N, C-alpha and C. Protein backbone atom coordinates (compact mmCIF):
# COMPACT_ATOMS: atom_id res chain seq x y z
N UNK A 1 19.68 -68.26 30.76
CA UNK A 1 20.03 -67.58 29.61
C UNK A 1 20.94 -66.06 30.03
N UNK A 2 20.39 -65.61 31.03
CA UNK A 2 20.96 -64.47 31.62
C UNK A 2 22.35 -64.65 32.09
N UNK A 3 22.56 -65.99 32.78
CA UNK A 3 23.58 -66.38 33.35
C UNK A 3 24.59 -66.57 32.17
N UNK A 4 24.32 -67.22 31.13
CA UNK A 4 25.13 -67.38 30.10
C UNK A 4 25.93 -66.39 29.46
N UNK A 5 24.92 -65.16 29.30
CA UNK A 5 25.31 -63.89 28.80
C UNK A 5 26.22 -63.36 29.90
N UNK A 6 25.99 -63.35 30.97
CA UNK A 6 27.22 -62.84 32.21
C UNK A 6 28.31 -63.61 32.20
N UNK A 7 28.29 -64.81 31.81
CA UNK A 7 29.60 -65.71 31.66
C UNK A 7 30.44 -65.18 30.44
N UNK A 8 29.42 -65.03 29.29
CA UNK A 8 30.48 -64.39 28.22
C UNK A 8 30.99 -63.07 28.20
N UNK A 9 29.99 -62.46 28.99
CA UNK A 9 30.81 -60.89 29.39
C UNK A 9 32.04 -61.04 30.09
N UNK A 10 31.87 -61.83 31.04
CA UNK A 10 33.22 -62.03 31.86
C UNK A 10 34.32 -62.86 31.04
N UNK A 11 34.14 -63.59 30.18
CA UNK A 11 35.16 -64.09 29.42
C UNK A 11 35.50 -63.54 28.06
N UNK A 12 34.78 -62.51 27.63
CA UNK A 12 35.16 -61.85 26.28
C UNK A 12 35.11 -60.32 26.64
N UNK A 13 36.51 -59.75 26.59
CA UNK A 13 36.76 -58.54 26.64
C UNK A 13 36.08 -57.74 25.52
N UNK A 14 36.40 -58.23 24.18
CA UNK A 14 36.06 -57.58 22.97
C UNK A 14 34.39 -57.02 23.12
N UNK A 15 33.63 -58.39 23.57
CA UNK A 15 32.13 -57.99 23.76
C UNK A 15 31.86 -56.88 24.70
N UNK A 16 32.62 -56.79 26.02
CA UNK A 16 32.35 -55.87 26.88
C UNK A 16 32.73 -54.29 26.08
N UNK A 17 33.76 -54.29 25.54
CA UNK A 17 34.09 -53.06 24.83
C UNK A 17 33.16 -52.79 23.72
N UNK A 18 32.38 -53.56 23.16
CA UNK A 18 31.35 -53.43 21.92
C UNK A 18 30.31 -53.10 22.55
N UNK A 19 29.78 -53.60 23.84
CA UNK A 19 28.63 -53.07 24.38
C UNK A 19 28.89 -51.61 24.85
N UNK A 20 29.80 -51.29 25.56
CA UNK A 20 29.94 -50.02 26.07
C UNK A 20 30.09 -48.92 24.88
N UNK A 21 30.87 -49.52 23.63
CA UNK A 21 30.74 -48.47 22.81
C UNK A 21 29.28 -48.26 22.05
N UNK A 22 28.59 -49.34 22.14
CA UNK A 22 27.15 -49.29 21.81
C UNK A 22 26.57 -48.06 22.66
N UNK A 23 26.67 -48.53 23.92
CA UNK A 23 25.82 -47.50 24.81
C UNK A 23 26.50 -45.90 24.88
N UNK A 24 27.71 -46.01 24.63
CA UNK A 24 28.22 -44.50 24.12
C UNK A 24 27.76 -43.90 23.17
N UNK A 25 27.66 -44.66 22.10
CA UNK A 25 27.02 -43.88 20.94
C UNK A 25 25.69 -43.72 20.97
N UNK A 26 24.81 -44.44 21.53
CA UNK A 26 23.45 -44.07 21.98
C UNK A 26 23.37 -43.07 22.71
N UNK A 27 24.09 -42.81 23.71
CA UNK A 27 24.19 -41.83 24.75
C UNK A 27 24.31 -40.35 24.02
N UNK A 28 25.34 -40.38 23.25
CA UNK A 28 26.03 -39.33 22.29
C UNK A 28 24.71 -38.98 21.51
N UNK A 29 23.91 -39.65 20.53
CA UNK A 29 22.88 -39.69 19.96
C UNK A 29 21.66 -39.01 20.65
N UNK A 30 21.49 -39.41 21.84
CA UNK A 30 20.57 -38.88 22.65
C UNK A 30 20.75 -37.34 23.17
N UNK A 31 21.97 -37.18 23.50
CA UNK A 31 22.27 -35.78 23.54
C UNK A 31 22.24 -35.05 22.54
N UNK A 32 22.50 -34.96 21.34
CA UNK A 32 22.43 -34.34 20.21
C UNK A 32 21.02 -34.26 19.69
N UNK A 33 20.35 -35.29 19.62
CA UNK A 33 18.72 -34.91 19.62
C UNK A 33 18.24 -33.95 20.54
N UNK A 34 18.61 -34.20 21.78
CA UNK A 34 18.20 -33.26 22.82
C UNK A 34 18.57 -31.71 22.79
N UNK A 35 19.83 -31.74 22.17
CA UNK A 35 20.46 -30.39 21.79
C UNK A 35 19.64 -29.68 20.75
N UNK A 36 19.34 -30.44 19.69
CA UNK A 36 18.54 -29.80 18.52
C UNK A 36 17.15 -29.61 18.89
N UNK A 37 16.82 -30.28 19.72
CA UNK A 37 15.16 -30.17 20.24
C UNK A 37 15.22 -28.63 21.20
N UNK A 38 16.20 -28.33 21.74
CA UNK A 38 16.42 -27.27 22.65
C UNK A 38 16.89 -26.00 21.67
N UNK A 39 17.70 -26.25 20.69
CA UNK A 39 17.83 -25.13 19.81
C UNK A 39 16.57 -24.65 18.91
N UNK A 40 15.61 -25.68 18.53
CA UNK A 40 14.68 -25.48 17.90
C UNK A 40 13.56 -24.57 18.84
N UNK A 41 13.64 -25.20 19.98
CA UNK A 41 12.52 -24.49 20.92
C UNK A 41 12.96 -22.81 20.88
N UNK A 42 14.28 -22.81 21.29
CA UNK A 42 14.80 -21.52 21.43
C UNK A 42 14.65 -20.56 20.28
N UNK A 43 14.83 -21.36 19.28
CA UNK A 43 14.49 -20.27 17.68
C UNK A 43 13.06 -20.09 17.80
N UNK A 44 12.10 -20.89 18.15
CA UNK A 44 10.61 -20.58 18.03
C UNK A 44 10.50 -19.46 18.86
N UNK A 45 11.06 -19.60 20.17
CA UNK A 45 10.72 -18.65 21.42
C UNK A 45 11.16 -17.33 20.81
N UNK A 46 12.58 -17.29 20.20
CA UNK A 46 12.96 -15.63 19.84
C UNK A 46 12.05 -15.39 18.78
N UNK A 47 11.56 -15.97 17.96
CA UNK A 47 10.75 -15.81 16.87
C UNK A 47 9.42 -15.28 17.33
N UNK A 48 8.78 -15.88 18.37
CA UNK A 48 7.62 -15.52 18.96
C UNK A 48 7.72 -14.25 19.93
N UNK A 49 8.77 -14.05 20.15
CA UNK A 49 9.02 -12.99 21.23
C UNK A 49 9.28 -11.61 20.21
N UNK A 50 9.87 -12.08 18.83
CA UNK A 50 10.01 -10.77 18.00
C UNK A 50 8.48 -10.50 17.36
N UNK A 51 7.80 -11.39 17.35
CA UNK A 51 6.29 -11.22 16.82
C UNK A 51 5.53 -10.47 17.62
N UNK A 52 5.56 -10.90 19.05
CA UNK A 52 4.99 -10.28 20.03
C UNK A 52 5.43 -8.75 20.25
N UNK A 53 6.63 -8.63 20.11
CA UNK A 53 7.21 -7.05 20.12
C UNK A 53 6.79 -6.09 19.09
N UNK A 54 6.77 -6.85 17.74
CA UNK A 54 6.05 -5.98 16.91
C UNK A 54 4.31 -5.69 17.07
N UNK A 55 3.61 -6.57 17.59
CA UNK A 55 2.36 -6.48 17.58
C UNK A 55 2.14 -5.39 18.73
N UNK A 56 3.01 -5.57 19.77
CA UNK A 56 2.91 -4.53 21.15
C UNK A 56 2.79 -3.16 20.58
N UNK A 57 4.06 -3.05 19.47
CA UNK A 57 4.39 -1.65 19.27
C UNK A 57 3.07 -1.02 18.07
N UNK A 58 2.68 -2.07 17.40
CA UNK A 58 1.49 -1.75 16.60
C UNK A 58 0.37 -1.39 17.49
N UNK A 59 0.10 -1.91 18.54
CA UNK A 59 -1.06 -1.62 19.36
C UNK A 59 -0.89 -0.26 20.07
N UNK A 60 0.34 -0.09 20.49
CA UNK A 60 0.68 1.26 21.05
C UNK A 60 0.61 2.53 20.27
N UNK A 61 0.55 2.25 18.88
CA UNK A 61 0.59 3.29 17.98
C UNK A 61 -0.90 3.91 18.04
N UNK A 62 -1.91 3.08 17.86
CA UNK A 62 -3.00 3.58 18.46
C UNK A 62 -3.95 4.57 17.45
N UNK A 63 -3.06 5.16 16.40
CA UNK A 63 -3.96 6.15 15.47
C UNK A 63 -4.89 5.38 14.35
N UNK A 64 -5.54 4.42 14.72
CA UNK A 64 -6.27 3.51 13.77
C UNK A 64 -7.31 4.66 12.99
N UNK A 65 -7.85 5.45 13.60
CA UNK A 65 -8.91 6.12 12.68
C UNK A 65 -8.30 6.94 11.62
N UNK A 66 -7.08 7.61 11.97
CA UNK A 66 -6.33 8.50 11.09
C UNK A 66 -5.93 7.37 10.00
N UNK A 67 -5.28 6.16 10.33
CA UNK A 67 -4.90 5.13 9.35
C UNK A 67 -5.97 4.79 8.24
N UNK A 68 -7.24 4.81 9.01
CA UNK A 68 -8.37 4.18 8.04
C UNK A 68 -8.82 5.49 7.17
N UNK A 69 -8.63 6.41 7.63
CA UNK A 69 -9.01 7.68 6.69
C UNK A 69 -7.96 7.71 5.62
N UNK A 70 -6.88 7.68 5.73
CA UNK A 70 -5.63 7.71 5.06
C UNK A 70 -5.83 6.59 3.81
N UNK A 71 -6.20 5.40 4.39
CA UNK A 71 -6.37 4.29 3.34
C UNK A 71 -7.86 4.61 2.67
N UNK A 72 -8.64 5.24 3.19
CA UNK A 72 -9.86 5.56 2.32
C UNK A 72 -9.52 6.60 1.17
N UNK A 73 -8.74 7.44 1.73
CA UNK A 73 -8.46 8.74 0.72
C UNK A 73 -7.48 7.92 -0.42
N UNK A 74 -6.75 7.14 0.00
CA UNK A 74 -5.61 6.38 -1.06
C UNK A 74 -6.68 5.74 -2.21
N UNK A 75 -7.54 4.79 -1.37
CA UNK A 75 -8.36 4.12 -2.20
C UNK A 75 -9.32 4.75 -3.33
N UNK A 76 -9.77 6.16 -2.69
CA UNK A 76 -10.43 7.14 -3.68
C UNK A 76 -9.56 7.56 -4.80
N UNK A 77 -8.30 8.00 -4.41
CA UNK A 77 -7.57 8.24 -5.44
C UNK A 77 -6.87 7.45 -6.41
N UNK A 78 -6.90 6.07 -5.88
CA UNK A 78 -6.69 5.08 -6.71
C UNK A 78 -7.77 4.79 -7.78
N UNK A 79 -8.91 4.72 -7.32
CA UNK A 79 -9.93 4.38 -8.05
C UNK A 79 -10.18 5.57 -8.85
N UNK A 80 -10.11 6.85 -8.83
CA UNK A 80 -10.29 7.86 -9.37
C UNK A 80 -9.20 7.94 -10.85
N UNK A 81 -8.20 7.20 -10.74
CA UNK A 81 -7.11 7.07 -11.58
C UNK A 81 -7.98 5.96 -12.73
N UNK A 82 -8.75 5.11 -12.31
CA UNK A 82 -9.38 4.10 -13.18
C UNK A 82 -10.44 4.73 -14.29
N UNK A 83 -10.72 4.20 -15.23
CA UNK A 83 -11.43 4.55 -16.29
C UNK A 83 -12.82 3.96 -16.10
N UNK A 84 -13.96 4.45 -16.43
CA UNK A 84 -15.36 3.89 -16.13
C UNK A 84 -15.84 3.29 -17.62
N UNK A 85 -16.50 2.22 -17.23
CA UNK A 85 -17.21 1.57 -18.35
C UNK A 85 -18.53 0.79 -18.02
N UNK A 86 -19.54 1.23 -18.72
CA UNK A 86 -20.82 0.37 -18.63
C UNK A 86 -20.77 -0.99 -18.91
N UNK A 87 -19.94 -1.22 -20.41
CA UNK A 87 -19.82 -2.36 -20.94
C UNK A 87 -18.53 -2.45 -21.67
N UNK A 88 -18.13 -3.95 -21.76
CA UNK A 88 -16.63 -3.88 -22.27
C UNK A 88 -16.71 -3.37 -23.76
N UNK A 89 -17.69 -3.29 -24.41
CA UNK A 89 -17.58 -2.75 -25.72
C UNK A 89 -17.57 -1.28 -25.63
N UNK A 90 -18.28 -0.60 -24.59
CA UNK A 90 -17.94 0.86 -24.56
C UNK A 90 -16.71 1.09 -23.90
N UNK A 91 -16.29 0.27 -23.33
CA UNK A 91 -14.75 0.81 -22.64
C UNK A 91 -13.70 0.66 -23.95
N UNK A 92 -13.88 -0.30 -24.79
CA UNK A 92 -12.92 -0.56 -26.05
C UNK A 92 -13.27 0.86 -26.89
N UNK A 93 -14.32 1.11 -27.19
CA UNK A 93 -14.80 2.53 -28.00
C UNK A 93 -14.41 3.63 -27.30
N UNK A 94 -14.49 3.90 -25.98
CA UNK A 94 -14.12 4.86 -25.14
C UNK A 94 -12.46 5.33 -25.34
N UNK A 95 -11.85 4.06 -24.93
CA UNK A 95 -10.27 4.09 -25.06
C UNK A 95 -9.97 4.31 -26.53
N UNK A 96 -10.66 3.80 -27.22
CA UNK A 96 -10.14 4.09 -28.74
C UNK A 96 -10.41 5.52 -29.10
N UNK A 97 -11.35 6.08 -28.79
CA UNK A 97 -11.75 7.46 -29.07
C UNK A 97 -10.89 8.36 -28.29
N UNK A 98 -10.47 8.10 -27.27
CA UNK A 98 -9.48 8.93 -26.52
C UNK A 98 -8.25 9.04 -27.21
N UNK A 99 -7.61 7.67 -27.38
CA UNK A 99 -6.62 7.74 -28.13
C UNK A 99 -6.34 8.16 -29.55
N UNK A 100 -7.55 8.07 -30.28
CA UNK A 100 -7.74 8.94 -31.61
C UNK A 100 -7.37 10.21 -31.24
N UNK A 101 -8.23 11.02 -30.21
CA UNK A 101 -8.13 12.31 -30.04
C UNK A 101 -6.43 12.85 -29.61
N UNK A 102 -6.07 11.97 -28.82
CA UNK A 102 -4.40 11.89 -28.49
C UNK A 102 -3.45 12.04 -29.46
N UNK A 103 -3.83 11.12 -30.50
CA UNK A 103 -2.80 11.11 -31.69
C UNK A 103 -2.88 12.17 -32.81
N UNK A 104 -4.29 12.75 -32.77
CA UNK A 104 -4.49 14.13 -33.58
C UNK A 104 -3.88 15.29 -32.57
N UNK A 105 -4.20 15.41 -31.41
CA UNK A 105 -3.51 16.32 -30.89
C UNK A 105 -1.87 16.45 -31.10
N UNK A 106 -1.53 15.36 -30.94
CA UNK A 106 -0.04 15.09 -31.22
C UNK A 106 0.34 15.19 -32.50
N UNK A 107 -0.23 15.32 -33.40
CA UNK A 107 -0.10 15.40 -35.12
C UNK A 107 0.71 14.56 -35.61
N UNK A 108 0.49 13.21 -35.05
CA UNK A 108 1.13 12.02 -35.60
C UNK A 108 0.73 11.92 -37.17
N UNK A 109 1.50 11.21 -38.17
CA UNK A 109 1.01 11.00 -39.22
C UNK A 109 0.94 9.40 -39.69
N UNK A 110 -0.27 9.20 -40.33
CA UNK A 110 -0.61 7.84 -40.72
C UNK A 110 -1.00 7.16 -39.27
N UNK A 111 -1.70 7.46 -38.47
CA UNK A 111 -2.11 6.80 -37.39
C UNK A 111 -2.77 5.50 -37.56
N UNK A 112 -2.92 4.21 -36.80
CA UNK A 112 -3.53 3.26 -37.18
C UNK A 112 -3.67 2.49 -35.56
N UNK A 113 -4.98 2.47 -35.27
CA UNK A 113 -5.23 1.83 -33.88
C UNK A 113 -6.05 0.47 -33.97
N UNK A 114 -5.51 -0.62 -33.41
CA UNK A 114 -6.23 -1.94 -33.28
C UNK A 114 -6.35 -2.00 -31.79
N UNK A 115 -7.52 -2.40 -31.48
CA UNK A 115 -8.04 -2.94 -30.10
C UNK A 115 -7.85 -4.34 -29.90
N UNK A 116 -6.90 -4.72 -29.08
CA UNK A 116 -6.72 -6.16 -28.89
C UNK A 116 -6.25 -6.91 -29.76
N UNK A 117 -6.07 -8.09 -29.65
CA UNK A 117 -5.58 -9.14 -30.75
C UNK A 117 -6.39 -10.40 -30.39
N UNK A 118 -6.37 -11.28 -31.48
CA UNK A 118 -7.03 -12.66 -31.23
C UNK A 118 -6.41 -13.56 -30.57
N UNK A 119 -5.11 -13.31 -30.27
CA UNK A 119 -4.32 -14.19 -29.21
C UNK A 119 -4.36 -13.90 -27.94
N UNK A 120 -4.94 -12.89 -27.61
CA UNK A 120 -4.95 -12.59 -26.14
C UNK A 120 -6.25 -13.34 -25.48
N UNK A 121 -6.05 -13.17 -24.22
CA UNK A 121 -7.14 -13.85 -23.19
C UNK A 121 -8.27 -12.91 -23.53
N UNK A 122 -9.35 -13.56 -23.09
CA UNK A 122 -10.44 -12.56 -22.93
C UNK A 122 -10.26 -11.61 -21.57
N UNK A 123 -10.61 -10.28 -21.77
CA UNK A 123 -10.14 -9.39 -20.85
C UNK A 123 -10.78 -9.73 -19.50
N UNK A 124 -11.92 -10.43 -19.33
CA UNK A 124 -12.28 -10.85 -18.09
C UNK A 124 -11.56 -11.80 -17.37
N UNK A 125 -11.08 -12.75 -18.40
CA UNK A 125 -9.96 -13.80 -17.62
C UNK A 125 -8.97 -13.31 -17.47
N UNK A 126 -8.37 -12.24 -18.03
CA UNK A 126 -7.33 -11.51 -17.56
C UNK A 126 -7.31 -11.10 -16.27
N UNK A 127 -8.48 -10.23 -16.13
CA UNK A 127 -8.72 -9.65 -14.90
C UNK A 127 -8.91 -10.52 -13.94
N UNK A 128 -9.57 -11.84 -13.95
CA UNK A 128 -9.85 -12.67 -12.94
C UNK A 128 -8.48 -13.18 -12.70
N UNK A 129 -7.56 -13.49 -13.58
CA UNK A 129 -6.28 -14.04 -13.08
C UNK A 129 -5.52 -13.27 -12.36
N UNK A 130 -5.61 -11.74 -12.81
CA UNK A 130 -5.01 -10.80 -11.67
C UNK A 130 -5.55 -10.55 -10.24
N UNK A 131 -6.91 -11.40 -10.04
CA UNK A 131 -7.40 -10.84 -9.03
C UNK A 131 -8.18 -9.62 -8.94
N UNK A 132 -8.68 -9.13 -10.00
CA UNK A 132 -9.34 -7.76 -10.20
C UNK A 132 -10.53 -8.15 -11.17
N UNK A 133 -11.75 -8.69 -10.22
CA UNK A 133 -13.08 -9.05 -10.92
C UNK A 133 -13.87 -8.02 -11.04
N UNK A 134 -13.52 -6.74 -10.80
CA UNK A 134 -14.40 -5.78 -11.06
C UNK A 134 -13.70 -4.73 -11.94
N UNK A 135 -12.77 -5.43 -12.75
CA UNK A 135 -12.05 -4.20 -13.65
C UNK A 135 -12.04 -5.25 -15.13
N UNK A 136 -11.87 -4.25 -16.13
CA UNK A 136 -11.86 -4.80 -17.34
C UNK A 136 -10.36 -4.26 -17.83
N UNK A 137 -9.60 -5.35 -18.47
CA UNK A 137 -8.32 -4.57 -19.12
C UNK A 137 -8.15 -4.28 -20.48
N UNK A 138 -8.20 -3.28 -20.68
CA UNK A 138 -8.50 -2.82 -22.34
C UNK A 138 -7.13 -2.55 -23.11
N UNK A 139 -6.78 -3.40 -23.92
CA UNK A 139 -5.44 -3.24 -24.57
C UNK A 139 -5.81 -2.58 -25.96
N UNK A 140 -4.61 -1.61 -26.50
CA UNK A 140 -4.85 -1.05 -27.89
C UNK A 140 -3.18 -0.94 -28.44
N UNK A 141 -3.28 -1.31 -29.56
CA UNK A 141 -1.90 -1.15 -30.35
C UNK A 141 -1.99 0.04 -31.29
N UNK A 142 -0.96 0.98 -31.14
CA UNK A 142 -1.02 2.12 -31.91
C UNK A 142 0.42 2.14 -32.89
N UNK A 143 0.10 2.40 -33.99
CA UNK A 143 1.17 2.61 -34.91
C UNK A 143 1.14 3.81 -35.66
N UNK A 144 2.33 4.63 -35.86
CA UNK A 144 2.24 5.56 -36.73
C UNK A 144 3.68 5.98 -37.17
N UNK A 145 3.69 6.91 -38.34
CA UNK A 145 5.41 7.20 -38.79
C UNK A 145 5.85 7.91 -37.22
N UNK A 146 7.27 7.64 -37.49
CA UNK A 146 8.08 8.15 -36.36
C UNK A 146 8.71 9.42 -36.74
N UNK A 147 8.33 10.29 -35.48
CA UNK A 147 8.70 11.74 -35.68
C UNK A 147 8.81 12.05 -34.08
N UNK A 148 10.22 12.32 -33.89
CA UNK A 148 10.53 12.47 -32.40
C UNK A 148 9.65 13.66 -31.60
N UNK A 149 9.40 14.48 -32.08
CA UNK A 149 8.23 15.76 -31.50
C UNK A 149 7.11 15.02 -31.29
N UNK A 150 6.44 14.40 -32.32
CA UNK A 150 4.91 14.03 -32.48
C UNK A 150 5.18 12.90 -30.93
N UNK A 151 6.18 11.97 -31.14
CA UNK A 151 5.96 10.92 -30.45
C UNK A 151 6.23 11.24 -28.71
N UNK A 152 7.18 12.47 -28.52
CA UNK A 152 7.25 12.75 -26.92
C UNK A 152 5.94 13.58 -26.82
N UNK A 153 5.23 14.42 -27.66
CA UNK A 153 4.18 15.15 -27.25
C UNK A 153 2.98 13.87 -27.06
N UNK A 154 2.83 12.98 -27.68
CA UNK A 154 1.83 11.84 -27.52
C UNK A 154 2.21 11.24 -26.17
N UNK A 155 3.35 10.80 -25.86
CA UNK A 155 3.64 9.84 -24.69
C UNK A 155 3.26 10.89 -23.57
N UNK A 156 3.84 12.15 -23.64
CA UNK A 156 3.30 13.12 -22.54
C UNK A 156 1.91 13.20 -22.34
N UNK A 157 1.24 13.20 -23.28
CA UNK A 157 -0.30 13.29 -23.15
C UNK A 157 -0.95 12.14 -22.59
N UNK A 158 -0.23 11.02 -23.03
CA UNK A 158 -0.73 9.72 -22.28
C UNK A 158 -0.20 9.35 -20.76
N UNK A 159 0.73 9.79 -20.53
CA UNK A 159 1.24 9.71 -19.00
C UNK A 159 0.80 10.84 -18.04
N UNK A 160 0.18 11.91 -18.69
CA UNK A 160 -0.38 13.03 -17.53
C UNK A 160 -1.76 12.95 -17.80
N UNK A 161 -2.33 12.14 -18.27
CA UNK A 161 -3.83 12.09 -18.41
C UNK A 161 -4.29 11.72 -16.80
N UNK A 162 -5.74 12.08 -16.49
CA UNK A 162 -6.06 11.90 -15.26
C UNK A 162 -6.45 10.32 -14.92
N UNK A 163 -6.88 9.65 -15.88
CA UNK A 163 -6.96 8.40 -15.71
C UNK A 163 -5.66 7.56 -16.41
N UNK A 164 -5.47 6.78 -15.55
CA UNK A 164 -4.08 5.98 -15.78
C UNK A 164 -3.93 5.04 -17.17
N UNK A 165 -2.97 5.37 -17.96
CA UNK A 165 -2.58 4.40 -19.11
C UNK A 165 -1.29 4.03 -18.87
N UNK A 166 -1.31 2.71 -19.02
CA UNK A 166 0.06 2.03 -18.99
C UNK A 166 0.57 1.63 -20.32
N UNK A 167 1.76 1.91 -20.57
CA UNK A 167 2.53 1.63 -21.90
C UNK A 167 3.08 0.39 -21.52
N UNK A 168 2.83 -0.64 -22.20
CA UNK A 168 3.29 -1.76 -21.98
C UNK A 168 4.68 -2.13 -22.98
N UNK A 169 4.60 -1.70 -24.38
CA UNK A 169 5.76 -1.52 -25.20
C UNK A 169 5.75 -0.60 -26.11
N UNK A 170 6.97 -0.24 -26.52
CA UNK A 170 7.08 0.61 -27.32
C UNK A 170 8.25 0.40 -28.18
N UNK A 171 8.04 0.25 -29.56
CA UNK A 171 8.98 -0.13 -30.64
C UNK A 171 9.13 0.50 -31.77
N UNK A 172 10.39 0.96 -32.23
CA UNK A 172 10.56 2.00 -33.08
C UNK A 172 11.33 1.05 -34.24
N UNK A 173 10.91 0.99 -35.49
CA UNK A 173 11.49 0.18 -36.73
C UNK A 173 11.76 1.29 -37.73
N UNK A 174 13.08 1.03 -38.18
CA UNK A 174 13.64 1.81 -39.26
C UNK A 174 13.25 1.52 -40.65
N UNK A 175 12.98 0.27 -40.97
CA UNK A 175 12.70 -0.02 -42.25
C UNK A 175 11.36 -0.66 -42.44
N UNK A 176 10.51 -0.41 -43.61
CA UNK A 176 11.06 0.17 -44.74
C UNK A 176 10.76 1.59 -44.62
N UNK A 177 10.13 2.41 -43.82
CA UNK A 177 9.96 3.49 -43.50
C UNK A 177 10.14 3.50 -41.76
N UNK A 178 10.60 4.54 -41.12
CA UNK A 178 10.36 4.78 -39.62
C UNK A 178 9.08 4.94 -39.04
N UNK A 179 8.89 3.74 -38.32
CA UNK A 179 7.51 3.75 -37.74
C UNK A 179 7.65 3.25 -36.25
N UNK A 180 6.50 3.78 -35.52
CA UNK A 180 6.45 3.48 -34.01
C UNK A 180 5.29 2.70 -33.90
N UNK A 181 5.47 1.45 -32.91
CA UNK A 181 4.28 0.75 -32.22
C UNK A 181 4.36 0.80 -30.95
N UNK A 182 3.13 1.21 -30.37
CA UNK A 182 2.95 1.20 -28.95
C UNK A 182 1.79 0.44 -28.34
N UNK A 183 2.00 -0.32 -27.53
CA UNK A 183 1.13 -1.27 -26.78
C UNK A 183 0.69 -0.47 -25.54
N UNK A 184 -0.64 0.03 -25.55
CA UNK A 184 -1.14 0.82 -24.14
C UNK A 184 -2.35 0.10 -23.56
N UNK A 185 -2.28 0.01 -22.26
CA UNK A 185 -3.43 -0.74 -21.63
C UNK A 185 -4.13 0.42 -20.70
N UNK A 186 -5.54 0.24 -20.62
CA UNK A 186 -6.29 0.96 -19.54
C UNK A 186 -7.26 -0.08 -18.89
N UNK A 187 -7.17 0.47 -17.28
CA UNK A 187 -8.13 -0.49 -16.51
C UNK A 187 -9.40 0.40 -16.46
N UNK A 188 -10.56 -0.34 -16.81
CA UNK A 188 -11.67 0.23 -16.68
C UNK A 188 -12.52 -0.59 -15.49
N UNK A 189 -13.04 0.36 -14.77
CA UNK A 189 -13.95 -0.12 -13.29
C UNK A 189 -15.35 -0.10 -14.00
N UNK A 190 -15.61 -1.53 -13.47
CA UNK A 190 -17.11 -1.84 -14.28
C UNK A 190 -18.00 -0.97 -13.32
N UNK A 191 -19.13 -0.51 -14.16
CA UNK A 191 -20.27 0.28 -13.35
C UNK A 191 -20.92 -0.60 -12.35
N UNK A 192 -21.53 -0.16 -11.48
CA UNK A 192 -22.37 -0.88 -10.33
C UNK A 192 -23.43 -1.24 -10.91
N UNK A 193 -24.10 -2.56 -10.87
CA UNK A 193 -25.20 -2.70 -11.35
C UNK A 193 -26.65 -1.86 -10.82
N UNK A 194 -27.38 -1.51 -11.75
CA UNK A 194 -28.53 -0.57 -11.18
C UNK A 194 -29.57 -1.37 -10.48
N UNK A 195 -29.96 -1.20 -9.29
CA UNK A 195 -30.90 -2.00 -8.89
C UNK A 195 -32.19 -2.02 -9.62
N UNK A 196 -33.14 -3.14 -9.76
CA UNK A 196 -34.06 -3.19 -10.54
C UNK A 196 -35.43 -2.29 -9.72
N UNK A 197 -36.36 -1.86 -10.43
CA UNK A 197 -37.38 -0.92 -9.89
C UNK A 197 -38.29 -1.71 -8.68
N UNK A 198 -38.25 -2.84 -8.81
CA UNK A 198 -39.04 -3.78 -7.67
C UNK A 198 -38.23 -4.03 -6.49
N UNK A 199 -36.83 -3.60 -6.27
CA UNK A 199 -36.25 -3.72 -5.29
C UNK A 199 -35.97 -2.52 -4.26
């Protein structure tokens, strides 16, 4: 069989050219695959070298105690801006009372406050969805007659309060009478559970 193939190769120039072309294509393909593998390895090496350089620069900085103290200070400041609540009901009541006081101080006319809506998720579900299991998200909708001076005073009081209040939405309507609607949110940190006397 091998002798027959050799005879055909000697007698058929086209077959010889076809076999040479096949080997040339395979050789070219092999070179391209090896070049791609080499490029990929070079990219990985450069990426690893960059990461190593970053790690070495971080290791050389060394002021980790100061960074830890700064992080703890920042955490305390952030936690200080949260409201506190023993229960979700008390959190709603506390936020509503505070909003009532601010609206009275701003002298808004015909104020109405509604806490949450039936279409909202339960606050615990919202917090869990945001990855905040130890917080309650309390939302309130304020509505009152539009007066630029009162509105500005109320907004200033809300944003300058020591506990953070987020204004999610503010809408002013003209008809039938000019009214303002504000959706405000406060995050309440849940109180730590008290240990039972037997513990």
